[in-house]
Amino acid sequence: MKRTKFNPNQLQIDFLAAFRRMLVSLGNSQNLPVNEAIFVKLTDQWESTHELPADLLFQKSPVEAVVYRLSKFDERLQFPDELIAGDLRGVQGLTGFAAKFREQGWVILPSELSGAYRQLFLHILAAAIGLDHLYSNRGELLAEAERVALAALLPEAEVRSFFGVRLSRFPDSFRMDVANYFNLPFESVLKRAHQLGIISDDVLETAKSGTVRSTRRPQSSRAA
């Protein structure tokens, strides 16, 4: 039998792969390889130097505040003791992801996001880490993480105050007022209203078809 040559580099790669898991990748299938490559690069650097790149713009306080908010809302969430979070500037194809490396949770986003989308995605990705122990299917994990994030960000009473008159059409002025008040994309508030049973399936689909989507920086009046 032919003996296989020992390769310490391959052993290290296999060892790290066992402790490196992508949980949620935002965007489409074309973005997944980019997100995975960035995750591997960041964790390789962390493994070898225990230092993060200088262009990782934030590391602790924003995600800790998000974890605190989510934990108060949903007792099912279980977070690792250490979370590494940040955003990277100028990385083409990066859409954002939640992952685990060893005993750490990782949340990485592109810095070009508007404040509204940054807040939304940060909550969704953090919730995905907290829910990971309950879901083996990545699609189900993302769907539940979004539901938990929207529920934490959008109190029922406040949502009902906007949609309580059973609106079926949403003019641009209304969309802007709602988005600015919550500092969230209007389509996310609309989805929360649907989850609460305030608007019907038909109203949701009709409204979504008329929603202009942008992840760049709009004005907002409500603090994150």
N, C-alpha and C. Protein backbone atom coordinates (compact mmCIF):
# COMPACT_ATOMS: atom_id res chain seq x y z
N MET A 1 0.86 -1.20 0.00
CA MET A 1 0.00 0.00 0.00
C MET A 1 0.89 1.24 0.00
N LYS A 2 0.55 2.21 -0.87
CA LYS A 2 1.33 3.42 -0.96
C LYS A 2 1.10 4.29 0.27
N ARG A 3 2.19 4.75 0.84
CA ARG A 3 2.09 5.58 2.05
C ARG A 3 1.87 7.03 1.64
N THR A 4 0.94 7.68 2.35
CA THR A 4 0.65 9.08 2.07
C THR A 4 1.66 9.97 2.79
N LYS A 5 2.18 10.93 2.05
CA LYS A 5 3.16 11.84 2.64
C LYS A 5 2.49 12.76 3.65
N PHE A 6 3.09 12.89 4.79
CA PHE A 6 2.55 13.76 5.84
C PHE A 6 2.66 15.22 5.43
N ASN A 7 1.56 15.94 5.51
CA ASN A 7 1.54 17.35 5.13
C ASN A 7 1.01 18.17 6.30
N PRO A 8 1.90 18.80 7.06
CA PRO A 8 1.44 19.56 8.24
C PRO A 8 0.54 20.73 7.88
N ASN A 9 0.73 21.33 6.69
CA ASN A 9 -0.12 22.44 6.28
C ASN A 9 -1.55 21.97 6.05
N GLN A 10 -1.71 20.81 5.41
CA GLN A 10 -3.04 20.26 5.19
C GLN A 10 -3.70 19.90 6.51
N LEU A 11 -2.91 19.37 7.43
CA LEU A 11 -3.44 19.04 8.75
C LEU A 11 -4.00 20.27 9.44
N GLN A 12 -3.28 21.40 9.32
CA GLN A 12 -3.74 22.64 9.93
C GLN A 12 -5.02 23.12 9.25
N ILE A 13 -5.08 23.01 7.92
CA ILE A 13 -6.29 23.42 7.20
C ILE A 13 -7.49 22.59 7.64
N ASP A 14 -7.31 21.26 7.71
CA ASP A 14 -8.40 20.38 8.13
C ASP A 14 -8.81 20.66 9.57
N PHE A 15 -7.82 20.95 10.41
CA PHE A 15 -8.11 21.23 11.82
C PHE A 15 -8.95 22.49 11.95
N LEU A 16 -8.56 23.54 11.22
CA LEU A 16 -9.30 24.80 11.30
C LEU A 16 -10.70 24.66 10.70
N ALA A 17 -10.83 23.87 9.61
CA ALA A 17 -12.13 23.71 8.97
C ALA A 17 -13.15 23.10 9.92
N ALA A 18 -12.71 22.25 10.81
CA ALA A 18 -13.62 21.61 11.76
C ALA A 18 -14.19 22.62 12.76
N PHE A 19 -13.52 23.74 12.93
CA PHE A 19 -13.95 24.74 13.91
C PHE A 19 -14.47 26.02 13.24
N ARG A 20 -14.66 25.99 11.92
CA ARG A 20 -15.01 27.20 11.17
C ARG A 20 -16.28 26.95 10.39
N ARG A 21 -17.37 27.61 10.78
CA ARG A 21 -18.67 27.35 10.15
C ARG A 21 -19.35 28.65 9.76
N MET A 22 -19.74 28.75 8.50
CA MET A 22 -20.58 29.85 8.06
C MET A 22 -22.02 29.53 8.43
N LEU A 23 -22.68 30.43 9.15
CA LEU A 23 -24.07 30.21 9.56
C LEU A 23 -25.05 30.84 8.58
N VAL A 24 -24.87 32.13 8.32
CA VAL A 24 -25.77 32.87 7.44
C VAL A 24 -24.93 33.76 6.55
N SER A 25 -25.18 33.68 5.25
CA SER A 25 -24.53 34.57 4.28
C SER A 25 -25.61 35.39 3.60
N LEU A 26 -25.53 36.71 3.71
CA LEU A 26 -26.52 37.57 3.08
C LEU A 26 -26.24 37.68 1.58
N GLY A 27 -27.27 38.05 0.82
CA GLY A 27 -27.11 38.16 -0.61
C GLY A 27 -27.52 36.88 -1.31
N ASN A 28 -26.89 36.60 -2.46
CA ASN A 28 -27.24 35.42 -3.25
C ASN A 28 -26.07 34.45 -3.30
N SER A 29 -26.23 33.43 -4.13
CA SER A 29 -25.21 32.38 -4.20
C SER A 29 -23.87 32.90 -4.71
N GLN A 30 -23.88 33.97 -5.49
CA GLN A 30 -22.64 34.54 -5.99
C GLN A 30 -21.85 35.23 -4.90
N ASN A 31 -22.55 35.71 -3.87
CA ASN A 31 -21.87 36.39 -2.78
C ASN A 31 -21.27 35.43 -1.77
N LEU A 32 -21.81 34.21 -1.71
CA LEU A 32 -21.36 33.25 -0.70
C LEU A 32 -19.86 32.97 -0.78
N PRO A 33 -19.27 32.69 -1.97
CA PRO A 33 -17.83 32.44 -2.00
C PRO A 33 -17.00 33.61 -1.52
N VAL A 34 -17.47 34.84 -1.79
CA VAL A 34 -16.75 36.03 -1.33
C VAL A 34 -16.79 36.10 0.19
N ASN A 35 -17.99 35.93 0.75
CA ASN A 35 -18.12 35.97 2.21
C ASN A 35 -17.28 34.87 2.87
N GLU A 36 -17.31 33.68 2.30
CA GLU A 36 -16.53 32.58 2.87
C GLU A 36 -15.03 32.86 2.80
N ALA A 37 -14.58 33.41 1.67
CA ALA A 37 -13.15 33.70 1.52
C ALA A 37 -12.69 34.75 2.53
N ILE A 38 -13.53 35.76 2.76
CA ILE A 38 -13.18 36.79 3.74
C ILE A 38 -13.14 36.19 5.14
N PHE A 39 -14.10 35.33 5.44
CA PHE A 39 -14.13 34.68 6.76
C PHE A 39 -12.87 33.84 6.98
N VAL A 40 -12.48 33.07 5.97
CA VAL A 40 -11.27 32.26 6.09
C VAL A 40 -10.04 33.14 6.30
N LYS A 41 -9.95 34.22 5.53
CA LYS A 41 -8.80 35.13 5.65
C LYS A 41 -8.72 35.75 7.04
N LEU A 42 -9.85 36.22 7.54
CA LEU A 42 -9.88 36.86 8.86
C LEU A 42 -9.54 35.88 9.97
N THR A 43 -10.11 34.69 9.90
CA THR A 43 -9.86 33.71 10.96
C THR A 43 -8.46 33.14 10.88
N ASP A 44 -7.91 33.00 9.67
CA ASP A 44 -6.51 32.58 9.55
C ASP A 44 -5.59 33.60 10.21
N GLN A 45 -5.88 34.88 9.98
CA GLN A 45 -5.05 35.93 10.59
C GLN A 45 -5.20 35.90 12.11
N TRP A 46 -6.45 35.73 12.57
CA TRP A 46 -6.68 35.67 14.01
C TRP A 46 -5.97 34.46 14.63
N GLU A 47 -6.01 33.34 13.94
CA GLU A 47 -5.39 32.12 14.45
C GLU A 47 -3.88 32.27 14.57
N SER A 48 -3.27 32.96 13.63
CA SER A 48 -1.81 33.06 13.61
C SER A 48 -1.27 34.21 14.45
N THR A 49 -2.03 35.31 14.56
CA THR A 49 -1.50 36.49 15.25
C THR A 49 -2.35 36.97 16.42
N HIS A 50 -3.60 36.49 16.51
CA HIS A 50 -4.57 36.99 17.48
C HIS A 50 -4.77 38.49 17.35
N GLU A 51 -4.65 38.97 16.12
CA GLU A 51 -4.91 40.37 15.81
C GLU A 51 -5.87 40.46 14.64
N LEU A 52 -6.70 41.48 14.65
CA LEU A 52 -7.63 41.72 13.56
C LEU A 52 -7.09 42.82 12.67
N PRO A 53 -7.46 42.83 11.39
CA PRO A 53 -6.94 43.87 10.49
C PRO A 53 -7.38 45.26 10.91
N ALA A 54 -6.53 46.23 10.62
CA ALA A 54 -6.81 47.61 11.03
C ALA A 54 -8.04 48.17 10.36
N ASP A 55 -8.43 47.63 9.19
CA ASP A 55 -9.60 48.16 8.49
C ASP A 55 -10.91 47.52 8.93
N LEU A 56 -10.87 46.69 9.97
CA LEU A 56 -12.10 46.20 10.58
C LEU A 56 -12.57 47.29 11.53
N LEU A 57 -13.62 48.02 11.17
CA LEU A 57 -13.88 49.33 11.75
C LEU A 57 -14.48 49.31 13.15
N PHE A 58 -15.26 48.31 13.50
CA PHE A 58 -15.73 48.23 14.88
C PHE A 58 -15.61 46.79 15.35
N GLN A 59 -15.47 46.60 16.65
CA GLN A 59 -15.22 45.25 17.13
C GLN A 59 -16.14 44.82 18.26
N LYS A 60 -16.54 45.72 19.16
CA LYS A 60 -17.23 45.25 20.36
C LYS A 60 -18.59 45.90 20.61
N SER A 61 -18.59 47.17 20.97
CA SER A 61 -19.77 47.76 21.60
C SER A 61 -21.06 47.68 20.78
N PRO A 62 -21.07 47.91 19.46
CA PRO A 62 -22.36 47.84 18.75
C PRO A 62 -23.01 46.47 18.86
N VAL A 63 -22.25 45.41 18.66
CA VAL A 63 -22.85 44.08 18.69
C VAL A 63 -23.24 43.69 20.11
N GLU A 64 -22.52 44.16 21.11
CA GLU A 64 -22.89 43.86 22.49
C GLU A 64 -24.25 44.48 22.83
N ALA A 65 -24.50 45.70 22.34
CA ALA A 65 -25.80 46.33 22.57
C ALA A 65 -26.91 45.55 21.87
N VAL A 66 -26.62 45.05 20.68
CA VAL A 66 -27.60 44.25 19.94
C VAL A 66 -27.91 42.95 20.67
N VAL A 67 -26.87 42.28 21.16
CA VAL A 67 -27.06 41.03 21.90
C VAL A 67 -27.90 41.28 23.15
N TYR A 68 -27.66 42.38 23.82
CA TYR A 68 -28.44 42.71 25.02
C TYR A 68 -29.91 42.90 24.67
N ARG A 69 -30.18 43.63 23.58
CA ARG A 69 -31.57 43.86 23.17
C ARG A 69 -32.25 42.56 22.78
N LEU A 70 -31.57 41.74 21.99
CA LEU A 70 -32.16 40.49 21.54
C LEU A 70 -32.42 39.53 22.70
N SER A 71 -31.47 39.46 23.64
CA SER A 71 -31.59 38.54 24.77
C SER A 71 -32.76 38.92 25.67
N LYS A 72 -33.04 40.20 25.80
CA LYS A 72 -34.19 40.63 26.59
C LYS A 72 -35.50 40.21 25.93
N PHE A 73 -35.48 40.12 24.61
CA PHE A 73 -36.71 39.80 23.88
C PHE A 73 -36.96 38.30 23.79
N ASP A 74 -35.92 37.50 23.58
CA ASP A 74 -36.10 36.08 23.28
C ASP A 74 -35.16 35.25 24.13
N GLU A 75 -35.71 34.47 25.06
CA GLU A 75 -34.90 33.70 26.00
C GLU A 75 -34.28 32.46 25.37
N ARG A 76 -34.65 32.12 24.15
CA ARG A 76 -34.05 30.96 23.49
C ARG A 76 -32.63 31.22 23.03
N LEU A 77 -32.26 32.47 22.88
CA LEU A 77 -30.97 32.82 22.29
C LEU A 77 -29.83 32.45 23.22
N GLN A 78 -28.81 31.83 22.65
CA GLN A 78 -27.61 31.46 23.39
C GLN A 78 -26.40 31.97 22.62
N PHE A 79 -25.66 32.89 23.22
CA PHE A 79 -24.52 33.50 22.55
C PHE A 79 -23.21 33.01 23.14
N PRO A 80 -22.19 32.88 22.31
CA PRO A 80 -20.87 32.54 22.84
C PRO A 80 -20.33 33.67 23.71
N ASP A 81 -19.37 33.35 24.55
CA ASP A 81 -18.80 34.35 25.44
C ASP A 81 -18.08 35.45 24.68
N GLU A 82 -17.54 35.13 23.51
CA GLU A 82 -16.79 36.12 22.75
C GLU A 82 -17.42 36.31 21.38
N LEU A 83 -17.67 37.56 21.04
CA LEU A 83 -18.18 37.93 19.73
C LEU A 83 -17.19 38.88 19.07
N ILE A 84 -16.90 38.62 17.82
CA ILE A 84 -16.06 39.51 17.02
C ILE A 84 -16.94 40.06 15.91
N ALA A 85 -17.05 41.38 15.85
CA ALA A 85 -17.94 42.00 14.86
C ALA A 85 -17.26 43.22 14.28
N GLY A 86 -17.55 43.48 13.02
CA GLY A 86 -16.96 44.65 12.38
C GLY A 86 -17.44 44.82 10.97
N ASP A 87 -17.06 45.94 10.36
CA ASP A 87 -17.37 46.14 8.96
C ASP A 87 -16.09 46.48 8.20
N LEU A 88 -16.07 46.06 6.95
CA LEU A 88 -14.91 46.23 6.09
C LEU A 88 -15.26 47.16 4.93
N ARG A 89 -14.33 48.04 4.59
CA ARG A 89 -14.56 49.02 3.52
C ARG A 89 -13.96 48.52 2.21
N GLY A 90 -14.72 48.70 1.14
CA GLY A 90 -14.18 48.50 -0.20
C GLY A 90 -13.91 47.07 -0.58
N VAL A 91 -14.64 46.11 -0.02
CA VAL A 91 -14.46 44.70 -0.38
C VAL A 91 -15.56 44.32 -1.36
N GLN A 92 -15.21 44.19 -2.62
CA GLN A 92 -16.20 43.91 -3.66
C GLN A 92 -16.85 42.55 -3.45
N GLY A 93 -18.18 42.53 -3.46
CA GLY A 93 -18.92 41.27 -3.31
C GLY A 93 -19.27 40.91 -1.89
N LEU A 94 -18.70 41.62 -0.91
CA LEU A 94 -19.03 41.34 0.49
C LEU A 94 -20.44 41.84 0.78
N THR A 95 -21.30 40.94 1.27
CA THR A 95 -22.67 41.32 1.60
C THR A 95 -22.96 41.20 3.09
N GLY A 96 -22.12 40.49 3.81
CA GLY A 96 -22.32 40.31 5.25
C GLY A 96 -22.60 38.86 5.60
N PHE A 97 -22.14 38.45 6.78
CA PHE A 97 -22.34 37.07 7.19
C PHE A 97 -22.23 36.93 8.70
N ALA A 98 -22.83 35.86 9.20
CA ALA A 98 -22.66 35.42 10.59
C ALA A 98 -22.00 34.05 10.54
N ALA A 99 -21.05 33.82 11.45
CA ALA A 99 -20.29 32.58 11.42
C ALA A 99 -19.79 32.26 12.82
N LYS A 100 -19.25 31.06 12.96
CA LYS A 100 -18.62 30.66 14.22
C LYS A 100 -17.22 30.13 13.93
N PHE A 101 -16.29 30.56 14.77
CA PHE A 101 -14.92 30.06 14.70
C PHE A 101 -14.50 29.65 16.11
N ARG A 102 -14.23 28.37 16.26
CA ARG A 102 -13.98 27.82 17.59
C ARG A 102 -15.16 28.16 18.49
N GLU A 103 -14.92 28.90 19.58
CA GLU A 103 -16.00 29.27 20.51
C GLU A 103 -16.44 30.71 20.31
N GLN A 104 -16.05 31.31 19.20
CA GLN A 104 -16.38 32.71 18.94
C GLN A 104 -17.54 32.82 17.95
N GLY A 105 -18.32 33.90 18.09
CA GLY A 105 -19.28 34.27 17.07
C GLY A 105 -18.72 35.43 16.26
N TRP A 106 -18.89 35.38 14.95
CA TRP A 106 -18.36 36.42 14.06
C TRP A 106 -19.51 37.05 13.27
N VAL A 107 -19.52 38.39 13.21
CA VAL A 107 -20.47 39.13 12.38
C VAL A 107 -19.66 40.16 11.59
N ILE A 108 -19.70 40.04 10.26
CA ILE A 108 -18.95 40.95 9.39
C ILE A 108 -19.90 41.55 8.37
N LEU A 109 -19.83 42.88 8.18
CA LEU A 109 -20.68 43.59 7.24
C LEU A 109 -19.84 44.54 6.39
N PRO A 110 -20.34 44.91 5.20
CA PRO A 110 -19.66 45.95 4.42
C PRO A 110 -19.95 47.32 5.01
N SER A 111 -18.95 48.19 5.06
CA SER A 111 -19.14 49.49 5.69
C SER A 111 -19.98 50.43 4.83
N GLU A 112 -20.20 50.08 3.56
CA GLU A 112 -20.96 50.95 2.67
C GLU A 112 -22.46 50.93 2.94
N LEU A 113 -22.94 50.08 3.82
CA LEU A 113 -24.36 50.02 4.13
C LEU A 113 -24.84 51.32 4.76
N SER A 114 -26.09 51.67 4.50
CA SER A 114 -26.71 52.78 5.20
C SER A 114 -26.94 52.39 6.66
N GLY A 115 -27.19 53.39 7.50
CA GLY A 115 -27.44 53.12 8.90
C GLY A 115 -28.63 52.22 9.13
N ALA A 116 -29.69 52.38 8.32
CA ALA A 116 -30.89 51.57 8.48
C ALA A 116 -30.61 50.10 8.18
N TYR A 117 -29.92 49.84 7.09
CA TYR A 117 -29.62 48.45 6.75
C TYR A 117 -28.55 47.86 7.66
N ARG A 118 -27.62 48.69 8.10
CA ARG A 118 -26.62 48.19 9.03
C ARG A 118 -27.29 47.70 10.32
N GLN A 119 -28.21 48.51 10.84
CA GLN A 119 -28.92 48.12 12.06
C GLN A 119 -29.70 46.82 11.85
N LEU A 120 -30.42 46.74 10.74
CA LEU A 120 -31.23 45.55 10.44
C LEU A 120 -30.36 44.31 10.31
N PHE A 121 -29.32 44.39 9.48
CA PHE A 121 -28.48 43.21 9.22
C PHE A 121 -27.71 42.79 10.46
N LEU A 122 -27.26 43.77 11.26
CA LEU A 122 -26.54 43.43 12.48
C LEU A 122 -27.42 42.64 13.43
N HIS A 123 -28.67 43.03 13.54
CA HIS A 123 -29.61 42.30 14.40
C HIS A 123 -29.91 40.91 13.85
N ILE A 124 -30.10 40.80 12.54
CA ILE A 124 -30.39 39.49 11.95
C ILE A 124 -29.21 38.54 12.13
N LEU A 125 -28.01 39.02 11.85
CA LEU A 125 -26.84 38.15 11.93
C LEU A 125 -26.52 37.77 13.37
N ALA A 126 -26.68 38.70 14.30
CA ALA A 126 -26.47 38.37 15.71
C ALA A 126 -27.51 37.36 16.18
N ALA A 127 -28.76 37.55 15.76
CA ALA A 127 -29.81 36.60 16.14
C ALA A 127 -29.51 35.21 15.59
N ALA A 128 -28.93 35.14 14.39
CA ALA A 128 -28.59 33.84 13.81
C ALA A 128 -27.57 33.10 14.66
N ILE A 129 -26.62 33.82 15.22
CA ILE A 129 -25.64 33.20 16.11
C ILE A 129 -26.33 32.67 17.36
N GLY A 130 -27.24 33.47 17.91
CA GLY A 130 -27.93 33.05 19.12
C GLY A 130 -28.88 31.89 18.92
N LEU A 131 -29.38 31.72 17.69
CA LEU A 131 -30.33 30.65 17.38
C LEU A 131 -29.68 29.41 16.78
N ASP A 132 -28.40 29.46 16.54
CA ASP A 132 -27.70 28.38 15.84
C ASP A 132 -27.92 27.01 16.48
N HIS A 133 -28.02 26.96 17.80
CA HIS A 133 -28.16 25.68 18.48
C HIS A 133 -29.51 25.02 18.24
N LEU A 134 -30.45 25.79 17.65
CA LEU A 134 -31.80 25.26 17.43
C LEU A 134 -32.07 24.85 15.99
N TYR A 135 -31.24 25.29 15.05
CA TYR A 135 -31.54 25.08 13.63
C TYR A 135 -30.32 24.52 12.91
N SER A 136 -30.51 23.38 12.27
CA SER A 136 -29.45 22.81 11.42
C SER A 136 -29.61 23.27 9.98
N ASN A 137 -30.82 23.63 9.57
CA ASN A 137 -31.07 24.11 8.22
C ASN A 137 -30.79 25.61 8.17
N ARG A 138 -29.89 26.01 7.26
CA ARG A 138 -29.46 27.41 7.21
C ARG A 138 -30.58 28.34 6.76
N GLY A 139 -31.45 27.87 5.84
CA GLY A 139 -32.56 28.70 5.40
C GLY A 139 -33.54 28.97 6.52
N GLU A 140 -33.85 27.94 7.30
CA GLU A 140 -34.75 28.12 8.44
C GLU A 140 -34.12 29.01 9.49
N LEU A 141 -32.81 28.89 9.69
CA LEU A 141 -32.12 29.75 10.65
C LEU A 141 -32.22 31.21 10.25
N LEU A 142 -32.00 31.50 8.97
CA LEU A 142 -32.07 32.89 8.51
C LEU A 142 -33.49 33.44 8.67
N ALA A 143 -34.50 32.65 8.31
CA ALA A 143 -35.88 33.11 8.41
C ALA A 143 -36.25 33.43 9.86
N GLU A 144 -35.87 32.57 10.78
CA GLU A 144 -36.19 32.80 12.19
C GLU A 144 -35.38 33.95 12.75
N ALA A 145 -34.13 34.07 12.33
CA ALA A 145 -33.30 35.19 12.80
C ALA A 145 -33.89 36.52 12.36
N GLU A 146 -34.41 36.57 11.14
CA GLU A 146 -35.05 37.80 10.67
C GLU A 146 -36.31 38.09 11.48
N ARG A 147 -37.10 37.06 11.76
CA ARG A 147 -38.32 37.28 12.54
C ARG A 147 -37.99 37.80 13.93
N VAL A 148 -37.00 37.22 14.58
CA VAL A 148 -36.61 37.65 15.92
C VAL A 148 -36.06 39.07 15.89
N ALA A 149 -35.24 39.37 14.88
CA ALA A 149 -34.67 40.71 14.77
C ALA A 149 -35.75 41.77 14.58
N LEU A 150 -36.72 41.50 13.71
CA LEU A 150 -37.78 42.47 13.46
C LEU A 150 -38.65 42.67 14.70
N ALA A 151 -38.92 41.59 15.41
CA ALA A 151 -39.74 41.70 16.62
C ALA A 151 -39.02 42.54 17.68
N ALA A 152 -37.70 42.40 17.78
CA ALA A 152 -36.94 43.16 18.76
C ALA A 152 -36.82 44.63 18.37
N LEU A 153 -36.73 44.90 17.07
CA LEU A 153 -36.55 46.26 16.59
C LEU A 153 -37.85 47.04 16.46
N LEU A 154 -38.96 46.33 16.29
CA LEU A 154 -40.23 46.98 15.95
C LEU A 154 -41.31 46.58 16.95
N PRO A 155 -41.44 47.34 18.04
CA PRO A 155 -42.47 47.02 19.04
C PRO A 155 -43.86 47.00 18.42
N GLU A 156 -44.66 46.04 18.85
CA GLU A 156 -45.97 45.86 18.24
C GLU A 156 -46.83 47.11 18.34
N ALA A 157 -46.85 47.76 19.49
CA ALA A 157 -47.70 48.93 19.67
C ALA A 157 -47.34 50.05 18.69
N GLU A 158 -46.04 50.24 18.46
CA GLU A 158 -45.60 51.30 17.56
C GLU A 158 -45.95 50.97 16.11
N VAL A 159 -45.80 49.71 15.74
CA VAL A 159 -46.15 49.31 14.37
C VAL A 159 -47.65 49.49 14.15
N ARG A 160 -48.46 49.09 15.13
CA ARG A 160 -49.91 49.22 15.00
C ARG A 160 -50.33 50.69 14.92
N SER A 161 -49.56 51.58 15.52
CA SER A 161 -49.92 53.00 15.47
C SER A 161 -49.83 53.55 14.06
N PHE A 162 -48.99 52.96 13.22
CA PHE A 162 -48.89 53.38 11.82
C PHE A 162 -49.87 52.64 10.92
N PHE A 163 -50.11 51.35 11.18
CA PHE A 163 -50.90 50.52 10.28
C PHE A 163 -52.28 50.21 10.85
N GLY A 164 -52.66 50.86 11.93
CA GLY A 164 -53.89 50.50 12.63
C GLY A 164 -55.16 50.81 11.87
N VAL A 165 -55.10 51.65 10.86
CA VAL A 165 -56.31 51.99 10.10
C VAL A 165 -56.53 51.04 8.93
N ARG A 166 -55.80 49.91 8.92
CA ARG A 166 -55.95 48.89 7.88
C ARG A 166 -55.68 49.46 6.49
N LEU A 167 -54.57 50.14 6.36
CA LEU A 167 -54.19 50.68 5.06
C LEU A 167 -53.91 49.55 4.08
N SER A 168 -54.24 49.79 2.82
CA SER A 168 -53.91 48.82 1.79
C SER A 168 -52.99 49.40 0.73
N ARG A 169 -52.83 50.71 0.73
CA ARG A 169 -51.91 51.38 -0.18
C ARG A 169 -51.00 52.31 0.64
N PHE A 170 -49.75 52.43 0.19
CA PHE A 170 -48.78 53.16 0.98
C PHE A 170 -48.05 54.17 0.09
N PRO A 171 -48.49 55.43 0.12
CA PRO A 171 -47.84 56.46 -0.71
C PRO A 171 -46.39 56.69 -0.25
N ASP A 172 -45.63 57.31 -1.12
CA ASP A 172 -44.22 57.53 -0.83
C ASP A 172 -44.01 58.30 0.47
N SER A 173 -44.86 59.28 0.73
CA SER A 173 -44.71 60.07 1.95
C SER A 173 -44.87 59.20 3.20
N PHE A 174 -45.83 58.27 3.16
CA PHE A 174 -46.04 57.36 4.28
C PHE A 174 -44.84 56.43 4.45
N ARG A 175 -44.34 55.89 3.34
CA ARG A 175 -43.18 55.00 3.40
C ARG A 175 -41.99 55.72 4.03
N MET A 176 -41.77 56.96 3.63
CA MET A 176 -40.63 57.71 4.14
C MET A 176 -40.79 58.01 5.62
N ASP A 177 -41.99 58.40 6.03
CA ASP A 177 -42.24 58.70 7.44
C ASP A 177 -41.99 57.47 8.32
N VAL A 178 -42.48 56.33 7.87
CA VAL A 178 -42.32 55.10 8.65
C VAL A 178 -40.85 54.69 8.71
N ALA A 179 -40.18 54.72 7.56
CA ALA A 179 -38.77 54.33 7.53
C ALA A 179 -37.91 55.25 8.39
N ASN A 180 -38.19 56.55 8.34
CA ASN A 180 -37.42 57.50 9.14
C ASN A 180 -37.70 57.34 10.63
N TYR A 181 -38.94 57.07 10.98
CA TYR A 181 -39.28 56.91 12.40
C TYR A 181 -38.55 55.73 13.01
N PHE A 182 -38.56 54.59 12.33
CA PHE A 182 -37.96 53.39 12.89
C PHE A 182 -36.47 53.25 12.53
N ASN A 183 -35.98 54.10 11.62
CA ASN A 183 -34.62 53.98 11.11
C ASN A 183 -34.38 52.57 10.56
N LEU A 184 -35.36 52.10 9.81
CA LEU A 184 -35.30 50.78 9.18
C LEU A 184 -35.91 50.88 7.78
N PRO A 185 -35.53 49.99 6.86
CA PRO A 185 -36.17 50.00 5.54
C PRO A 185 -37.67 49.76 5.66
N PHE A 186 -38.44 50.45 4.83
CA PHE A 186 -39.90 50.32 4.92
C PHE A 186 -40.35 48.89 4.72
N GLU A 187 -39.70 48.15 3.79
CA GLU A 187 -40.13 46.78 3.53
C GLU A 187 -39.98 45.89 4.76
N SER A 188 -39.04 46.22 5.65
CA SER A 188 -38.88 45.44 6.88
C SER A 188 -40.02 45.73 7.86
N VAL A 189 -40.41 47.00 7.95
CA VAL A 189 -41.55 47.35 8.80
C VAL A 189 -42.82 46.71 8.27
N LEU A 190 -42.94 46.69 6.95
CA LEU A 190 -44.09 46.07 6.31
C LEU A 190 -44.15 44.57 6.64
N LYS A 191 -43.01 43.92 6.60
CA LYS A 191 -42.95 42.49 6.91
C LYS A 191 -43.35 42.24 8.36
N ARG A 192 -42.93 43.11 9.27
CA ARG A 192 -43.31 42.98 10.67
C ARG A 192 -44.82 43.16 10.84
N ALA A 193 -45.39 44.12 10.12
CA ALA A 193 -46.85 44.33 10.18
C ALA A 193 -47.58 43.08 9.69
N HIS A 194 -47.03 42.44 8.69
CA HIS A 194 -47.63 41.20 8.19
C HIS A 194 -47.51 40.08 9.22
N GLN A 195 -46.37 39.97 9.86
CA GLN A 195 -46.18 38.96 10.90
C GLN A 195 -47.18 39.14 12.04
N LEU A 196 -47.54 40.37 12.33
CA LEU A 196 -48.49 40.66 13.40
C LEU A 196 -49.94 40.51 12.95
N GLY A 197 -50.15 40.22 11.68
CA GLY A 197 -51.51 40.07 11.17
C GLY A 197 -52.21 41.39 10.90
N ILE A 198 -51.46 42.47 10.83
CA ILE A 198 -52.05 43.78 10.62
C ILE A 198 -52.40 43.99 9.15
N ILE A 199 -51.58 43.45 8.25
CA ILE A 199 -51.87 43.53 6.82
C ILE A 199 -51.95 42.11 6.26
N SER A 200 -52.67 41.96 5.17
CA SER A 200 -52.90 40.64 4.58
C SER A 200 -51.77 40.26 3.63
N ASP A 201 -51.80 39.00 3.19
CA ASP A 201 -50.81 38.53 2.21
C ASP A 201 -50.88 39.35 0.93
N ASP A 202 -52.08 39.64 0.47
CA ASP A 202 -52.24 40.38 -0.79
C ASP A 202 -51.68 41.79 -0.67
N VAL A 203 -51.96 42.44 0.46
CA VAL A 203 -51.46 43.80 0.67
C VAL A 203 -49.94 43.79 0.72
N LEU A 204 -49.38 42.79 1.40
CA LEU A 204 -47.92 42.69 1.49
C LEU A 204 -47.30 42.56 0.11
N GLU A 205 -47.81 41.65 -0.71
CA GLU A 205 -47.23 41.42 -2.02
C GLU A 205 -47.39 42.63 -2.93
N THR A 206 -48.55 43.28 -2.87
CA THR A 206 -48.77 44.48 -3.68
C THR A 206 -47.84 45.60 -3.27
N ALA A 207 -47.68 45.79 -1.97
CA ALA A 207 -46.83 46.86 -1.45
C ALA A 207 -45.36 46.60 -1.76
N LYS A 208 -44.94 45.34 -1.66
CA LYS A 208 -43.54 45.00 -1.94
C LYS A 208 -43.19 45.29 -3.39
N SER A 209 -44.13 45.07 -4.29
CA SER A 209 -43.85 45.30 -5.71
C SER A 209 -43.64 46.77 -6.01
N GLY A 210 -44.12 47.64 -5.09
CA GLY A 210 -43.94 49.07 -5.30
C GLY A 210 -42.88 49.69 -4.42
N THR A 211 -42.13 48.84 -3.68
CA THR A 211 -41.12 49.34 -2.76
C THR A 211 -39.79 49.49 -3.48
N VAL A 212 -39.20 50.66 -3.39
CA VAL A 212 -37.88 50.89 -3.96
C VAL A 212 -36.85 50.51 -2.93
N ARG A 213 -35.96 49.56 -3.29
CA ARG A 213 -34.98 49.05 -2.34
C ARG A 213 -33.65 49.77 -2.54
N SER A 214 -33.06 50.24 -1.46
CA SER A 214 -31.72 50.83 -1.49
C SER A 214 -31.03 50.55 -0.18
N THR A 215 -29.76 50.15 -0.27
CA THR A 215 -29.00 49.90 0.96
C THR A 215 -28.04 51.03 1.24
N ARG A 216 -28.14 52.12 0.49
CA ARG A 216 -27.25 53.25 0.73
C ARG A 216 -27.85 54.20 1.74
N ARG A 217 -27.20 55.21 2.09
CA ARG A 217 -27.44 55.96 3.30
C ARG A 217 -28.59 56.97 3.20
N PRO A 218 -29.83 56.62 3.64
CA PRO A 218 -30.93 57.59 3.69
C PRO A 218 -30.87 58.41 4.96
N GLN A 219 -31.66 59.47 5.02
CA GLN A 219 -31.80 60.23 6.27
C GLN A 219 -32.69 59.48 7.23
N SER A 220 -32.45 59.61 8.53
CA SER A 220 -33.30 58.95 9.51
C SER A 220 -33.44 59.83 10.73
N SER A 221 -34.56 59.64 11.46
CA SER A 221 -34.84 60.48 12.62
C SER A 221 -34.89 59.71 13.91
N ARG A 222 -34.73 58.39 13.85
CA ARG A 222 -34.82 57.58 15.06
C ARG A 222 -33.47 56.93 15.33
N ALA A 223 -32.97 57.05 16.53
CA ALA A 223 -31.65 56.52 16.84
C ALA A 223 -31.63 55.01 16.74
N ALA A 224 -30.48 54.47 16.34
CA ALA A 224 -30.34 53.02 16.25
C ALA A 224 -30.34 52.42 17.62
